[in-house]
C-alpha atoms as a PDB file:
ATOM      1  CA  MET A   1       4.005 -45.306  -1.982  1.00  0.00           C
ATOM      2  CA  ALA A   2       1.084 -43.731  -3.795  1.00  0.00           C
ATOM      3  CA  LYS A   3       0.035 -41.871  -0.673  1.00  0.00           C
ATOM      4  CA  LYS A   4       3.364 -40.049  -0.478  1.00  0.00           C
ATOM      5  CA  THR A   5       3.099 -38.992  -4.112  1.00  0.00           C
ATOM      6  CA  VAL A   6      -0.435 -37.649  -3.703  1.00  0.00           C
ATOM      7  CA  ALA A   7       0.441 -35.858  -0.480  1.00  0.00           C
ATOM      8  CA  SER A   8       3.436 -34.168  -2.066  1.00  0.00           C
ATOM      9  CA  LEU A   9       1.342 -32.897  -4.991  1.00  0.00           C
ATOM     10  CA  GLN A  10      -1.085 -31.175  -2.621  1.00  0.00           C
ATOM     11  CA  LYS A  11       1.681 -29.123  -1.010  1.00  0.00           C
ATOM     12  CA  GLY A  12       2.590 -27.369  -4.261  1.00  0.00           C
ATOM     13  CA  GLU A  13       1.601 -23.913  -5.424  1.00  0.00           C
ATOM     14  CA  GLY A  14      -0.963 -25.303  -7.852  1.00  0.00           C
ATOM     15  CA  ARG A  15      -3.867 -24.281  -5.669  1.00  0.00           C
ATOM     16  CA  THR A  16      -3.998 -20.601  -6.530  1.00  0.00           C
ATOM     17  CA  TYR A  17      -7.613 -20.614  -7.745  1.00  0.00           C
ATOM     18  CA  ALA A  18     -10.796 -21.385  -5.841  1.00  0.00           C
ATOM     19  CA  LYS A  19     -14.238 -22.324  -7.098  1.00  0.00           C
ATOM     20  CA  VAL A  20     -16.646 -19.751  -5.687  1.00  0.00           C
ATOM     21  CA  ILE A  21     -20.408 -20.311  -5.649  1.00  0.00           C
ATOM     22  CA  LYS A  22     -22.564 -17.220  -5.149  1.00  0.00           C
ATOM     23  CA  MET A  23     -26.352 -17.056  -4.837  1.00  0.00           C
ATOM     24  CA  VAL A  24     -27.822 -14.365  -7.100  1.00  0.00           C
ATOM     25  CA  LYS A  25     -31.423 -13.241  -7.425  1.00  0.00           C
ATOM     26  CA  SER A  26     -32.695 -13.172 -11.008  1.00  0.00           C
ATOM     27  CA  PRO A  27     -34.066  -9.753 -12.034  1.00  0.00           C
ATOM     28  CA  LYS A  28     -36.657 -11.291 -14.403  1.00  0.00           C
ATOM     29  CA  THR A  29     -38.253 -14.032 -12.295  1.00  0.00           C
ATOM     30  CA  GLY A  30     -37.139 -13.127  -8.784  1.00  0.00           C
ATOM     31  CA  ALA A  31     -35.920 -16.690  -8.236  1.00  0.00           C
ATOM     32  CA  TYR A  32     -32.515 -17.417  -6.786  1.00  0.00           C
ATOM     33  CA  MET A  33     -29.833 -19.081  -8.914  1.00  0.00           C
ATOM     34  CA  PHE A  34     -26.242 -20.037  -8.293  1.00  0.00           C
ATOM     35  CA  GLN A  35     -23.312 -18.446 -10.110  1.00  0.00           C
ATOM     36  CA  GLU A  36     -20.146 -20.569 -10.149  1.00  0.00           C
ATOM     37  CA  THR A  37     -16.781 -19.161 -11.181  1.00  0.00           C
ATOM     38  CA  MET A  38     -13.092 -19.870 -10.728  1.00  0.00           C
ATOM     39  CA  VAL A  39     -11.468 -16.942  -8.922  1.00  0.00           C
ATOM     40  CA  HIS A  40      -7.869 -16.319  -7.883  1.00  0.00           C
ATOM     41  CA  ASN A  41      -7.403 -16.726  -4.127  1.00  0.00           C
ATOM     42  CA  ASP A  42      -6.500 -13.043  -3.725  1.00  0.00           C
ATOM     43  CA  ASN A  43      -9.781 -11.899  -5.321  1.00  0.00           C
ATOM     44  CA  VAL A  44     -12.327 -14.101  -3.520  1.00  0.00           C
ATOM     45  CA  LYS A  45     -13.504 -11.425  -1.064  1.00  0.00           C
ATOM     46  CA  GLU A  46     -13.815  -8.846  -3.856  1.00  0.00           C
ATOM     47  CA  PHE A  47     -15.935 -11.240  -5.931  1.00  0.00           C
ATOM     48  CA  LEU A  48     -18.303 -11.986  -3.049  1.00  0.00           C
ATOM     49  CA  ALA A  49     -18.665  -8.294  -2.183  1.00  0.00           C
ATOM     50  CA  LYS A  50     -20.130  -7.469  -5.609  1.00  0.00           C
END
């Protein structure tokens, strides 16, 4: 029974945000670091294009 409950929760509209991880080069040290943010699904491509 628990499987049906979990499966039905995943079908909902609650997944409108995505965690996006972008690699950014630091201007001070020149080393690469990762920038993690929560972005709305419609704006993921715009965030990665910056």
